C-alpha atoms as a PDB file:
ATOM      1  CA  MET A   1     -27.704 -95.103  10.260  1.00  0.00           C
ATOM      2  CA  LEU A   2     -29.407 -98.054  11.944  1.00  0.00           C
ATOM      3  CA  ARG A   3     -32.686 -96.139  11.878  1.00  0.00           C
ATOM      4  CA  ILE A   4     -32.247 -95.456   8.144  1.00  0.00           C
ATOM      5  CA  LEU A   5     -31.499 -99.113   7.424  1.00  0.00           C
ATOM      6  CA  ARG A   6     -34.492-100.177   9.462  1.00  0.00           C
ATOM      7  CA  GLY A   7     -36.626 -97.717   7.536  1.00  0.00           C
ATOM      8  CA  ALA A   8     -35.272 -98.976   4.225  1.00  0.00           C
ATOM      9  CA  GLY A   9     -35.847-102.567   5.295  1.00  0.00           C
ATOM     10  CA  PHE A  10     -39.431-101.767   6.270  1.00  0.00           C
ATOM     11  CA  GLY A  11     -39.986-100.036   2.942  1.00  0.00           C
ATOM     12  CA  LEU A  12     -38.591-103.024   1.036  1.00  0.00           C
ATOM     13  CA  MET A  13     -40.782-105.401   3.024  1.00  0.00           C
ATOM     14  CA  PHE A  14     -43.792-103.197   2.299  1.00  0.00           C
ATOM     15  CA  LEU A  15     -43.070-103.220  -1.439  1.00  0.00           C
ATOM     16  CA  LEU A  16     -42.601-107.003  -1.470  1.00  0.00           C
ATOM     17  CA  ALA A  17     -45.872-107.456   0.398  1.00  0.00           C
ATOM     18  CA  LEU A  18     -47.602-105.142  -2.059  1.00  0.00           C
ATOM     19  CA  VAL A  19     -46.274-107.084  -5.050  1.00  0.00           C
ATOM     20  CA  ALA A  20     -47.280-110.384  -3.466  1.00  0.00           C
ATOM     21  CA  ALA A  21     -50.789-109.070  -2.822  1.00  0.00           C
ATOM     22  CA  SER A  22     -51.197-107.673  -6.343  1.00  0.00           C
ATOM     23  CA  PRO A  23     -53.228-109.897  -8.684  1.00  0.00           C
ATOM     24  CA  PRO A  24     -51.410-111.198 -11.783  1.00  0.00           C
ATOM     25  CA  ALA A  25     -51.936-109.347 -15.037  1.00  0.00           C
ATOM     26  CA  SER A  26     -54.041-112.293 -16.266  1.00  0.00           C
ATOM     27  CA  ALA A  27     -56.507-112.072 -13.346  1.00  0.00           C
ATOM     28  CA  GLY A  28     -60.057-111.574 -14.576  1.00  0.00           C
ATOM     29  CA  TYR A  29     -59.173-112.620 -18.120  1.00  0.00           C
ATOM     30  CA  PRO A  30     -60.911-111.948 -20.382  1.00  0.00           C
ATOM     31  CA  ASP A  31     -62.339-108.589 -19.320  1.00  0.00           C
ATOM     32  CA  ARG A  32     -62.652-107.222 -22.862  1.00  0.00           C
ATOM     33  CA  PRO A  33     -63.138-108.660 -26.374  1.00  0.00           C
ATOM     34  CA  VAL A  34     -60.516-111.067 -27.729  1.00  0.00           C
ATOM     35  CA  HIS A  35     -59.407-110.782 -31.352  1.00  0.00           C
ATOM     36  CA  TRP A  36     -58.856-114.051 -33.201  1.00  0.00           C
ATOM     37  CA  LEU A  37     -56.916-113.574 -36.451  1.00  0.00           C
ATOM     38  CA  ILE A  38     -57.386-115.978 -39.350  1.00  0.00           C
ATOM     39  CA  GLY A  39     -55.328-115.842 -42.510  1.00  0.00           C
ATOM     40  CA  PHE A  40     -58.095-116.411 -45.049  1.00  0.00           C
ATOM     41  CA  ALA A  41     -61.173-114.722 -46.470  1.00  0.00           C
ATOM     42  CA  ALA A  42     -64.614-114.942 -44.913  1.00  0.00           C
ATOM     43  CA  GLY A  43     -66.784-117.859 -46.000  1.00  0.00           C
ATOM     44  CA  GLY A  44     -63.983-120.387 -46.400  1.00  0.00           C
ATOM     45  CA  PRO A  45     -63.446-123.543 -44.301  1.00  0.00           C
ATOM     46  CA  VAL A  46     -61.124-121.913 -41.757  1.00  0.00           C
ATOM     47  CA  ASP A  47     -63.579-119.050 -41.321  1.00  0.00           C
ATOM     48  CA  ILE A  48     -66.501-121.455 -40.820  1.00  0.00           C
ATOM     49  CA  VAL A  49     -64.754-123.409 -38.059  1.00  0.00           C
ATOM     50  CA  ALA A  50     -63.329-120.265 -36.428  1.00  0.00           C
ATOM     51  CA  ARG A  51     -66.797-118.743 -36.101  1.00  0.00           C
ATOM     52  CA  ILE A  52     -68.212-121.926 -34.578  1.00  0.00           C
ATOM     53  CA  MET A  53     -65.462-121.974 -31.954  1.00  0.00           C
ATOM     54  CA  ALA A  54     -65.496-118.202 -31.401  1.00  0.00           C
ATOM     55  CA  GLN A  55     -69.160-118.410 -30.439  1.00  0.00           C
ATOM     56  CA  ALA A  56     -68.466-121.354 -28.132  1.00  0.00           C
ATOM     57  CA  LEU A  57     -65.647-119.434 -26.399  1.00  0.00           C
ATOM     58  CA  SER A  58     -67.757-116.261 -26.137  1.00  0.00           C
ATOM     59  CA  ASP A  59     -70.588-118.213 -24.510  1.00  0.00           C
ATOM     60  CA  ARG A  60     -68.283-119.809 -21.952  1.00  0.00           C
ATOM     61  CA  LEU A  61     -65.976-116.923 -21.068  1.00  0.00           C
ATOM     62  CA  GLY A  62     -68.445-114.052 -21.160  1.00  0.00           C
ATOM     63  CA  GLN A  63     -66.538-111.876 -23.614  1.00  0.00           C
ATOM     64  CA  GLN A  64     -66.808-111.643 -27.364  1.00  0.00           C
ATOM     65  CA  PHE A  65     -64.218-113.536 -29.414  1.00  0.00           C
ATOM     66  CA  ILE A  66     -64.024-111.537 -32.633  1.00  0.00           C
ATOM     67  CA  VAL A  67     -62.919-113.348 -35.787  1.00  0.00           C
ATOM     68  CA  GLU A  68     -60.775-111.071 -37.950  1.00  0.00           C
ATOM     69  CA  ASN A  69     -59.986-112.098 -41.505  1.00  0.00           C
ATOM     70  CA  ARG A  70     -56.438-111.060 -42.488  1.00  0.00           C
ATOM     71  CA  ALA A  71     -56.164-112.807 -45.837  1.00  0.00           C
ATOM     72  CA  GLY A  72     -53.033-112.981 -47.960  1.00  0.00           C
ATOM     73  CA  SER A  73     -49.593-114.553 -48.299  1.00  0.00           C
ATOM     74  CA  GLY A  74     -50.827-118.046 -47.437  1.00  0.00           C
ATOM     75  CA  GLY A  75     -51.885-116.936 -43.957  1.00  0.00           C
ATOM     76  CA  ASN A  76     -48.566-115.241 -43.165  1.00  0.00           C
ATOM     77  CA  ILE A  77     -50.092-111.758 -42.900  1.00  0.00           C
ATOM     78  CA  ALA A  78     -52.314-112.929 -40.051  1.00  0.00           C
ATOM     79  CA  ALA A  79     -49.446-114.847 -38.438  1.00  0.00           C
ATOM     80  CA  ALA A  80     -47.158-111.800 -38.484  1.00  0.00           C
ATOM     81  CA  ALA A  81     -49.885-109.577 -37.038  1.00  0.00           C
ATOM     82  CA  ALA A  82     -50.570-112.022 -34.206  1.00  0.00           C
ATOM     83  CA  ILE A  83     -46.894-112.581 -33.435  1.00  0.00           C
ATOM     84  CA  ASN A  84     -46.287-108.819 -33.219  1.00  0.00           C
ATOM     85  CA  ALA A  85     -49.328-108.200 -30.990  1.00  0.00           C
ATOM     86  CA  PRO A  86     -49.019-107.791 -27.192  1.00  0.00           C
ATOM     87  CA  ALA A  87     -48.669-111.170 -25.467  1.00  0.00           C
ATOM     88  CA  ASP A  88     -51.663-110.589 -23.210  1.00  0.00           C
ATOM     89  CA  GLY A  89     -54.149-113.161 -24.483  1.00  0.00           C
ATOM     90  CA  TYR A  90     -56.278-110.630 -26.348  1.00  0.00           C
ATOM     91  CA  THR A  91     -54.866-111.511 -29.786  1.00  0.00           C
ATOM     92  CA  LEU A  92     -54.942-115.137 -30.888  1.00  0.00           C
ATOM     93  CA  LEU A  93     -54.104-116.872 -34.165  1.00  0.00           C
ATOM     94  CA  PHE A  94     -56.035-119.600 -35.947  1.00  0.00           C
ATOM     95  CA  VAL A  95     -53.442-122.277 -36.742  1.00  0.00           C
ATOM     96  CA  ALA A  96     -53.703-124.608 -39.724  1.00  0.00           C
ATOM     97  CA  PRO A  97     -51.297-126.577 -41.964  1.00  0.00           C
ATOM     98  CA  ASN A  98     -50.248-123.389 -43.775  1.00  0.00           C
ATOM     99  CA  ASN A  99     -48.335-122.329 -40.658  1.00  0.00           C
ATOM    100  CA  ALA A 100     -46.380-125.586 -40.688  1.00  0.00           C
ATOM    101  CA  ILE A 101     -45.841-125.449 -44.450  1.00  0.00           C
ATOM    102  CA  SER A 102     -44.707-121.814 -44.659  1.00  0.00           C
ATOM    103  CA  THR A 103     -41.623-122.484 -42.557  1.00  0.00           C
ATOM    104  CA  SER A 104     -39.990-124.377 -45.410  1.00  0.00           C
ATOM    105  CA  LEU A 105     -41.921-123.038 -48.423  1.00  0.00           C
ATOM    106  CA  TYR A 106     -41.263-119.317 -47.859  1.00  0.00           C
ATOM    107  CA  LYS A 107     -37.599-118.346 -47.917  1.00  0.00           C
ATOM    108  CA  LYS A 108     -37.870-114.860 -46.371  1.00  0.00           C
ATOM    109  CA  LEU A 109     -40.406-114.968 -43.550  1.00  0.00           C
ATOM    110  CA  PRO A 110     -40.027-112.176 -40.962  1.00  0.00           C
ATOM    111  CA  PHE A 111     -40.729-114.609 -38.132  1.00  0.00           C
ATOM    112  CA  ASP A 112     -40.064-118.140 -36.917  1.00  0.00           C
ATOM    113  CA  PHE A 113     -43.462-119.641 -36.187  1.00  0.00           C
ATOM    114  CA  LEU A 114     -42.325-122.306 -33.732  1.00  0.00           C
ATOM    115  CA  ARG A 115     -40.071-119.856 -31.876  1.00  0.00           C
ATOM    116  CA  ASP A 116     -42.427-116.860 -31.834  1.00  0.00           C
ATOM    117  CA  THR A 117     -45.708-118.473 -30.793  1.00  0.00           C
ATOM    118  CA  VAL A 118     -47.015-120.598 -27.944  1.00  0.00           C
ATOM    119  CA  PRO A 119     -49.453-123.461 -28.606  1.00  0.00           C
ATOM    120  CA  VAL A 120     -52.853-123.025 -26.976  1.00  0.00           C
ATOM    121  CA  ALA A 121     -55.304-125.674 -28.141  1.00  0.00           C
ATOM    122  CA  SER A 122     -56.149-128.149 -30.876  1.00  0.00           C
ATOM    123  CA  ILE A 123     -59.616-127.955 -32.414  1.00  0.00           C
ATOM    124  CA  MET A 124     -59.992-130.653 -35.026  1.00  0.00           C
ATOM    125  CA  GLN A 125     -58.459-132.784 -37.745  1.00  0.00           C
ATOM    126  CA  LEU A 126     -59.776-132.800 -41.275  1.00  0.00           C
ATOM    127  CA  THR A 127     -59.082-133.948 -44.784  1.00  0.00           C
ATOM    128  CA  ASN A 128     -59.024-132.080 -48.064  1.00  0.00           C
ATOM    129  CA  MET A 129     -61.160-133.136 -51.002  1.00  0.00           C
ATOM    130  CA  LEU A 130     -60.426-132.991 -54.711  1.00  0.00           C
ATOM    131  CA  VAL A 131     -63.383-131.391 -56.474  1.00  0.00           C
ATOM    132  CA  VAL A 132     -63.592-130.485 -60.151  1.00  0.00           C
ATOM    133  CA  SER A 133     -65.764-128.299 -62.317  1.00  0.00           C
ATOM    134  CA  ASN A 134     -68.899-130.048 -63.541  1.00  0.00           C
ATOM    135  CA  ALA A 135     -67.694-129.174 -67.037  1.00  0.00           C
ATOM    136  CA  MET A 136     -64.734-131.524 -66.635  1.00  0.00           C
ATOM    137  CA  PRO A 137     -65.379-134.854 -68.465  1.00  0.00           C
ATOM    138  CA  VAL A 138     -64.120-136.972 -65.558  1.00  0.00           C
ATOM    139  CA  LYS A 139     -65.813-138.860 -62.734  1.00  0.00           C
ATOM    140  CA  THR A 140     -62.938-140.702 -61.058  1.00  0.00           C
ATOM    141  CA  VAL A 141     -59.403-139.916 -59.936  1.00  0.00           C
ATOM    142  CA  GLN A 142     -57.967-142.188 -62.632  1.00  0.00           C
ATOM    143  CA  GLU A 143     -60.036-140.498 -65.334  1.00  0.00           C
ATOM    144  CA  PHE A 144     -58.803-137.156 -64.047  1.00  0.00           C
ATOM    145  CA  ILE A 145     -55.159-138.266 -64.206  1.00  0.00           C
ATOM    146  CA  ASP A 146     -55.648-139.583 -67.726  1.00  0.00           C
ATOM    147  CA  TYR A 147     -57.316-136.326 -68.788  1.00  0.00           C
ATOM    148  CA  CYS A 148     -54.470-134.251 -67.308  1.00  0.00           C
ATOM    149  CA  LYS A 149     -51.850-136.276 -69.139  1.00  0.00           C
ATOM    150  CA  ALA A 150     -53.773-135.921 -72.386  1.00  0.00           C
ATOM    151  CA  ASN A 151     -53.940-132.138 -71.868  1.00  0.00           C
ATOM    152  CA  PRO A 152     -50.582-131.114 -70.341  1.00  0.00           C
ATOM    153  CA  GLY A 153     -50.429-127.521 -69.114  1.00  0.00           C
ATOM    154  CA  LYS A 154     -54.085-126.878 -69.959  1.00  0.00           C
ATOM    155  CA  ILE A 155     -55.521-127.690 -66.532  1.00  0.00           C
ATOM    156  CA  SER A 156     -55.501-125.069 -63.759  1.00  0.00           C
ATOM    157  CA  PHE A 157     -55.930-125.729 -60.066  1.00  0.00           C
ATOM    158  CA  ALA A 158     -57.039-123.148 -57.524  1.00  0.00           C
ATOM    159  CA  SER A 159     -55.779-122.796 -53.974  1.00  0.00           C
ATOM    160  CA  SER A 160     -56.534-120.663 -50.938  1.00  0.00           C
ATOM    161  CA  GLY A 161     -53.031-119.189 -51.228  1.00  0.00           C
ATOM    162  CA  ASN A 162     -49.385-120.164 -51.552  1.00  0.00           C
ATOM    163  CA  GLY A 163     -48.293-122.521 -48.795  1.00  0.00           C
ATOM    164  CA  THR A 164     -51.725-123.699 -47.732  1.00  0.00           C
ATOM    165  CA  SER A 165     -52.562-127.399 -47.459  1.00  0.00           C
ATOM    166  CA  VAL A 166     -54.912-126.771 -50.400  1.00  0.00           C
ATOM    167  CA  HIS A 167     -51.930-125.689 -52.494  1.00  0.00           C
ATOM    168  CA  MET A 168     -49.519-128.343 -51.268  1.00  0.00           C
ATOM    169  CA  SER A 169     -52.024-131.199 -51.654  1.00  0.00           C
ATOM    170  CA  ALA A 170     -52.152-130.340 -55.349  1.00  0.00           C
ATOM    171  CA  GLU A 171     -48.363-130.016 -55.590  1.00  0.00           C
ATOM    172  CA  LEU A 172     -47.952-133.426 -53.974  1.00  0.00           C
ATOM    173  CA  PHE A 173     -50.513-134.861 -56.396  1.00  0.00           C
ATOM    174  CA  LYS A 174     -48.647-133.310 -59.340  1.00  0.00           C
ATOM    175  CA  ALA A 175     -45.346-134.757 -58.162  1.00  0.00           C
ATOM    176  CA  MET A 176     -46.743-138.243 -57.570  1.00  0.00           C
ATOM    177  CA  THR A 177     -48.814-138.505 -60.771  1.00  0.00           C
ATOM    178  CA  LYS A 178     -46.643-136.400 -63.131  1.00  0.00           C
ATOM    179  CA  CYS A 179     -49.698-134.318 -64.024  1.00  0.00           C
ATOM    180  CA  ASP A 180     -48.818-130.953 -65.555  1.00  0.00           C
ATOM    181  CA  MET A 181     -51.161-128.385 -63.967  1.00  0.00           C
ATOM    182  CA  VAL A 182     -50.996-124.598 -63.464  1.00  0.00           C
ATOM    183  CA  HIS A 183     -51.413-123.093 -59.991  1.00  0.00           C
ATOM    184  CA  VAL A 184     -53.837-120.171 -59.523  1.00  0.00           C
ATOM    185  CA  PRO A 185     -53.715-118.863 -55.911  1.00  0.00           C
ATOM    186  CA  TYR A 186     -56.641-116.976 -54.352  1.00  0.00           C
ATOM    187  CA  ARG A 187     -57.036-115.136 -51.041  1.00  0.00           C
ATOM    188  CA  GLY A 188     -59.175-117.968 -49.692  1.00  0.00           C
ATOM    189  CA  SER A 189     -61.035-120.866 -51.276  1.00  0.00           C
ATOM    190  CA  ALA A 190     -64.402-119.112 -51.034  1.00  0.00           C
ATOM    191  CA  LEU A 191     -63.111-116.656 -53.644  1.00  0.00           C
ATOM    192  CA  ALA A 192     -61.992-119.496 -55.910  1.00  0.00           C
ATOM    193  CA  PHE A 193     -65.249-121.396 -56.230  1.00  0.00           C
ATOM    194  CA  PRO A 194     -67.025-119.002 -58.640  1.00  0.00           C
ATOM    195  CA  ASP A 195     -64.178-119.548 -61.105  1.00  0.00           C
ATOM    196  CA  ILE A 196     -64.243-123.331 -60.591  1.00  0.00           C
ATOM    197  CA  ILE A 197     -67.992-123.453 -61.063  1.00  0.00           C
ATOM    198  CA  SER A 198     -67.659-121.455 -64.295  1.00  0.00           C
ATOM    199  CA  ASN A 199     -64.693-123.670 -65.366  1.00  0.00           C
ATOM    200  CA  LYS A 200     -62.232-120.776 -65.576  1.00  0.00           C
ATOM    201  CA  VAL A 201     -60.204-122.898 -63.188  1.00  0.00           C
ATOM    202  CA  GLN A 202     -60.824-126.627 -63.257  1.00  0.00           C
ATOM    203  CA  LEU A 203     -60.238-127.939 -59.731  1.00  0.00           C
ATOM    204  CA  ILE A 204     -59.225-127.456 -56.122  1.00  0.00           C
ATOM    205  CA  PHE A 205     -58.004-129.724 -53.310  1.00  0.00           C
ATOM    206  CA  ASP A 206     -60.015-127.789 -50.752  1.00  0.00           C
ATOM    207  CA  ASN A 207     -60.509-128.301 -47.028  1.00  0.00           C
ATOM    208  CA  LEU A 208     -63.514-130.547 -46.535  1.00  0.00           C
ATOM    209  CA  PRO A 209     -65.947-128.031 -44.957  1.00  0.00           C
ATOM    210  CA  SER A 210     -66.282-125.791 -48.013  1.00  0.00           C
ATOM    211  CA  ALA A 211     -65.603-128.520 -50.594  1.00  0.00           C
ATOM    212  CA  LEU A 212     -68.374-130.601 -49.033  1.00  0.00           C
ATOM    213  CA  GLU A 213     -70.802-127.692 -49.077  1.00  0.00           C
ATOM    214  CA  GLN A 214     -70.111-127.000 -52.752  1.00  0.00           C
ATOM    215  CA  SER A 215     -70.300-130.654 -53.802  1.00  0.00           C
ATOM    216  CA  ARG A 216     -73.487-131.311 -51.834  1.00  0.00           C
ATOM    217  CA  GLY A 217     -74.983-128.271 -53.528  1.00  0.00           C
ATOM    218  CA  GLY A 218     -74.183-129.756 -56.931  1.00  0.00           C
ATOM    219  CA  ASN A 219     -71.853-126.900 -57.860  1.00  0.00           C
ATOM    220  CA  VAL A 220     -68.793-129.138 -58.299  1.00  0.00           C
ATOM    221  CA  ARG A 221     -68.012-132.865 -58.532  1.00  0.00           C
ATOM    222  CA  ALA A 222     -66.134-134.662 -55.755  1.00  0.00           C
ATOM    223  CA  LEU A 223     -63.502-137.172 -56.909  1.00  0.00           C
ATOM    224  CA  GLY A 224     -61.512-138.112 -53.827  1.00  0.00           C
ATOM    225  CA  VAL A 225     -60.333-137.238 -50.314  1.00  0.00           C
ATOM    226  CA  THR A 226     -56.686-136.694 -49.383  1.00  0.00           C
ATOM    227  CA  SER A 227     -56.728-138.822 -46.224  1.00  0.00           C
ATOM    228  CA  PRO A 228     -55.037-142.233 -46.480  1.00  0.00           C
ATOM    229  CA  GLN A 229     -58.430-143.935 -46.026  1.00  0.00           C
ATOM    230  CA  ARG A 230     -61.974-142.839 -46.742  1.00  0.00           C
ATOM    231  CA  TRP A 231     -63.169-140.075 -44.419  1.00  0.00           C
ATOM    232  CA  PRO A 232     -66.098-140.803 -42.040  1.00  0.00           C
ATOM    233  CA  ALA A 233     -68.102-137.736 -43.120  1.00  0.00           C
ATOM    234  CA  VAL A 234     -68.025-138.755 -46.809  1.00  0.00           C
ATOM    235  CA  PRO A 235     -67.687-142.558 -46.891  1.00  0.00           C
ATOM    236  CA  ASP A 236     -68.875-142.741 -50.496  1.00  0.00           C
ATOM    237  CA  VAL A 237     -65.989-140.585 -51.748  1.00  0.00           C
ATOM    238  CA  PRO A 238     -62.866-142.693 -52.441  1.00  0.00           C
ATOM    239  CA  ALA A 239     -59.483-141.878 -50.946  1.00  0.00           C
ATOM    240  CA  ILE A 240     -57.092-140.640 -53.633  1.00  0.00           C
ATOM    241  CA  ALA A 241     -54.649-143.174 -52.180  1.00  0.00           C
ATOM    242  CA  GLU A 242     -56.848-145.933 -53.610  1.00  0.00           C
ATOM    243  CA  THR A 243     -55.616-144.759 -57.029  1.00  0.00           C
ATOM    244  CA  VAL A 244     -52.313-143.112 -56.062  1.00  0.00           C
ATOM    245  CA  PRO A 245     -50.767-145.344 -53.364  1.00  0.00           C
ATOM    246  CA  GLY A 246     -49.063-143.403 -50.589  1.00  0.00           C
ATOM    247  CA  PHE A 247     -50.834-140.127 -51.265  1.00  0.00           C
ATOM    248  CA  GLU A 248     -51.803-138.393 -47.997  1.00  0.00           C
ATOM    249  CA  SER A 249     -52.612-134.880 -46.808  1.00  0.00           C
ATOM    250  CA  VAL A 250     -54.514-134.615 -43.516  1.00  0.00           C
ATOM    251  CA  GLY A 251     -54.772-131.219 -41.865  1.00  0.00           C
ATOM    252  CA  PHE A 252     -55.381-129.760 -38.437  1.00  0.00           C
ATOM    253  CA  TYR A 253     -56.951-126.646 -36.920  1.00  0.00           C
ATOM    254  CA  GLY A 254     -55.998-125.051 -33.633  1.00  0.00           C
ATOM    255  CA  ILE A 255     -55.047-121.900 -31.727  1.00  0.00           C
ATOM    256  CA  SER A 256     -51.711-120.271 -30.920  1.00  0.00           C
ATOM    257  CA  ALA A 257     -50.787-117.015 -29.210  1.00  0.00           C
ATOM    258  CA  PRO A 258     -47.780-114.660 -29.231  1.00  0.00           C
ATOM    259  CA  LYS A 259     -44.737-115.891 -27.346  1.00  0.00           C
ATOM    260  CA  GLY A 260     -44.838-114.705 -23.748  1.00  0.00           C
ATOM    261  CA  THR A 261     -48.601-115.056 -23.301  1.00  0.00           C
ATOM    262  CA  PRO A 262     -49.161-115.895 -19.589  1.00  0.00           C
ATOM    263  CA  GLY A 263     -49.439-119.617 -18.873  1.00  0.00           C
ATOM    264  CA  GLU A 264     -52.633-119.112 -16.855  1.00  0.00           C
ATOM    265  CA  ILE A 265     -54.350-117.628 -19.914  1.00  0.00           C
ATOM    266  CA  VAL A 266     -53.115-120.445 -22.138  1.00  0.00           C
ATOM    267  CA  GLU A 267     -54.420-123.031 -19.658  1.00  0.00           C
ATOM    268  CA  LEU A 268     -57.796-121.293 -19.360  1.00  0.00           C
ATOM    269  CA  LEU A 269     -58.245-121.117 -23.125  1.00  0.00           C
ATOM    270  CA  ASN A 270     -57.155-124.742 -23.549  1.00  0.00           C
ATOM    271  CA  LYS A 271     -59.587-125.905 -20.855  1.00  0.00           C
ATOM    272  CA  THR A 272     -62.418-123.902 -22.426  1.00  0.00           C
ATOM    273  CA  VAL A 273     -61.755-125.163 -25.959  1.00  0.00           C
ATOM    274  CA  ASN A 274     -61.661-128.764 -24.722  1.00  0.00           C
ATOM    275  CA  GLU A 275     -64.920-128.243 -22.847  1.00  0.00           C
ATOM    276  CA  ALA A 276     -66.496-126.873 -26.026  1.00  0.00           C
ATOM    277  CA  LEU A 277     -65.270-129.908 -27.963  1.00  0.00           C
ATOM    278  CA  ALA A 278     -67.188-132.099 -25.512  1.00  0.00           C
ATOM    279  CA  ASP A 279     -70.420-130.148 -26.084  1.00  0.00           C
ATOM    280  CA  PRO A 280     -72.823-132.146 -28.308  1.00  0.00           C
ATOM    281  CA  LYS A 281     -74.043-128.955 -30.013  1.00  0.00           C
ATOM    282  CA  VAL A 282     -70.518-127.849 -30.941  1.00  0.00           C
ATOM    283  CA  LEU A 283     -69.619-131.399 -31.987  1.00  0.00           C
ATOM    284  CA  ALA A 284     -72.656-131.533 -34.253  1.00  0.00           C
ATOM    285  CA  ARG A 285     -71.694-128.295 -35.993  1.00  0.00           C
ATOM    286  CA  LEU A 286     -68.100-129.422 -36.508  1.00  0.00           C
ATOM    287  CA  SER A 287     -69.279-132.812 -37.756  1.00  0.00           C
ATOM    288  CA  GLU A 288     -71.560-131.092 -40.265  1.00  0.00           C
ATOM    289  CA  ASN A 289     -68.398-129.584 -41.713  1.00  0.00           C
ATOM    290  CA  GLY A 290     -66.590-132.918 -41.858  1.00  0.00           C
ATOM    291  CA  GLY A 291     -64.190-132.397 -38.967  1.00  0.00           C
ATOM    292  CA  ILE A 292     -63.048-134.848 -36.285  1.00  0.00           C
ATOM    293  CA  PRO A 293     -62.575-133.061 -32.923  1.00  0.00           C
ATOM    294  CA  LYS A 294     -59.065-133.460 -31.466  1.00  0.00           C
ATOM    295  CA  PRO A 295     -58.800-132.018 -27.934  1.00  0.00           C
ATOM    296  CA  MET A 296     -55.201-131.795 -26.696  1.00  0.00           C
ATOM    297  CA  THR A 297     -53.094-130.156 -24.013  1.00  0.00           C
ATOM    298  CA  PRO A 298     -50.978-127.156 -25.084  1.00  0.00           C
ATOM    299  CA  ALA A 299     -47.872-129.378 -25.016  1.00  0.00           C
ATOM    300  CA  GLU A 300     -49.537-132.033 -27.186  1.00  0.00           C
ATOM    301  CA  PHE A 301     -50.665-129.422 -29.678  1.00  0.00           C
ATOM    302  CA  GLY A 302     -47.173-127.930 -29.743  1.00  0.00           C
ATOM    303  CA  LYS A 303     -45.712-131.323 -30.580  1.00  0.00           C
ATOM    304  CA  LEU A 304     -48.293-131.760 -33.359  1.00  0.00           C
ATOM    305  CA  VAL A 305     -47.343-128.429 -34.946  1.00  0.00           C
ATOM    306  CA  THR A 306     -43.634-129.308 -34.695  1.00  0.00           C
ATOM    307  CA  ASP A 307     -44.208-132.742 -36.239  1.00  0.00           C
ATOM    308  CA  GLU A 308     -46.356-131.248 -39.023  1.00  0.00           C
ATOM    309  CA  THR A 309     -43.640-128.700 -39.763  1.00  0.00           C
ATOM    310  CA  GLU A 310     -41.144-131.516 -40.283  1.00  0.00           C
ATOM    311  CA  LYS A 311     -43.600-133.552 -42.369  1.00  0.00           C
ATOM    312  CA  TRP A 312     -44.448-130.686 -44.716  1.00  0.00           C
ATOM    313  CA  LYS A 313     -40.785-129.786 -45.101  1.00  0.00           C
ATOM    314  CA  LYS A 314     -40.296-133.201 -46.701  1.00  0.00           C
ATOM    315  CA  VAL A 315     -43.333-132.654 -48.962  1.00  0.00           C
ATOM    316  CA  VAL A 316     -42.056-129.218 -50.043  1.00  0.00           C
ATOM    317  CA  GLU A 317     -38.675-130.729 -50.895  1.00  0.00           C
ATOM    318  CA  PHE A 318     -40.297-133.670 -52.685  1.00  0.00           C
ATOM    319  CA  ALA A 319     -42.556-131.410 -54.750  1.00  0.00           C
ATOM    320  CA  GLY A 320     -39.658-129.024 -55.441  1.00  0.00           C
ATOM    321  CA  VAL A 321     -41.599-125.803 -54.824  1.00  0.00           C
ATOM    322  CA  SER A 322     -40.702-122.572 -53.015  1.00  0.00           C
ATOM    323  CA  VAL A 323     -41.948-119.009 -52.615  1.00  0.00           C
ATOM    324  CA  ASP A 324     -39.589-116.025 -52.269  1.00  0.00           C
END
């Protein structure tokens, strides 16, 4: 019996030594391509920033970071796909205000974003910009408000989907100005601009990267930014708050992963993103798109997403909107 116990004890010690010597599952990460899901169509502001950062991560980590567009349901299709993916660091989610907004706007989500994801890294902060069709006879925010009130129910605004900051910026504007406008959701703002340019839809409160590109190209007219003060990238464009006191909608971009993703992978990705945000070439590309880099720790980014979720809950309640 003693010999058997000694043999069993030796076997247990051998197994423990083997486990201790085995590298963690995250060792060598990444050793194959990483898929980065974004909830909007190609060519839009989220897509533009995601591709800039995907290239920066690919260059630094030696594996391709593949941007996958999973448009629809205000980004919730992409969120659900990421949340249900293996928690091994090879599926990531591009996080934006829509993820904070959806928690209170959608009544039947199949997931709890804060519970089912882990924060990885912050990328940047940005404003939205109100742009209108060149056919609209308005050149200022006040003229736009006056025109809306003179034409109730005849003005349509586009969005990149229900529950996006593009949508909710307009809903907040409607609530604060009493403008009667009709919402027309698209599967990404890039798909909306042809209709705005042709005046089928009159306006959009789009994220600055694509709104800036369209306004600089002369395709639409910029009236105001949604930040509480004028935005550094477009100092000549007034803040809407200059006309509508208290109006504010400032967004954020970042990365999350499925709950259970190893901490070592999260830390590596966070470190790499923050290094990229210190690279003058990456900074220049983000600045071209109107963003302000915001490097953070995973914990800091998690707190930001939690705070934004609470903030947008109040906006949703104030605007009185919901999606079943």
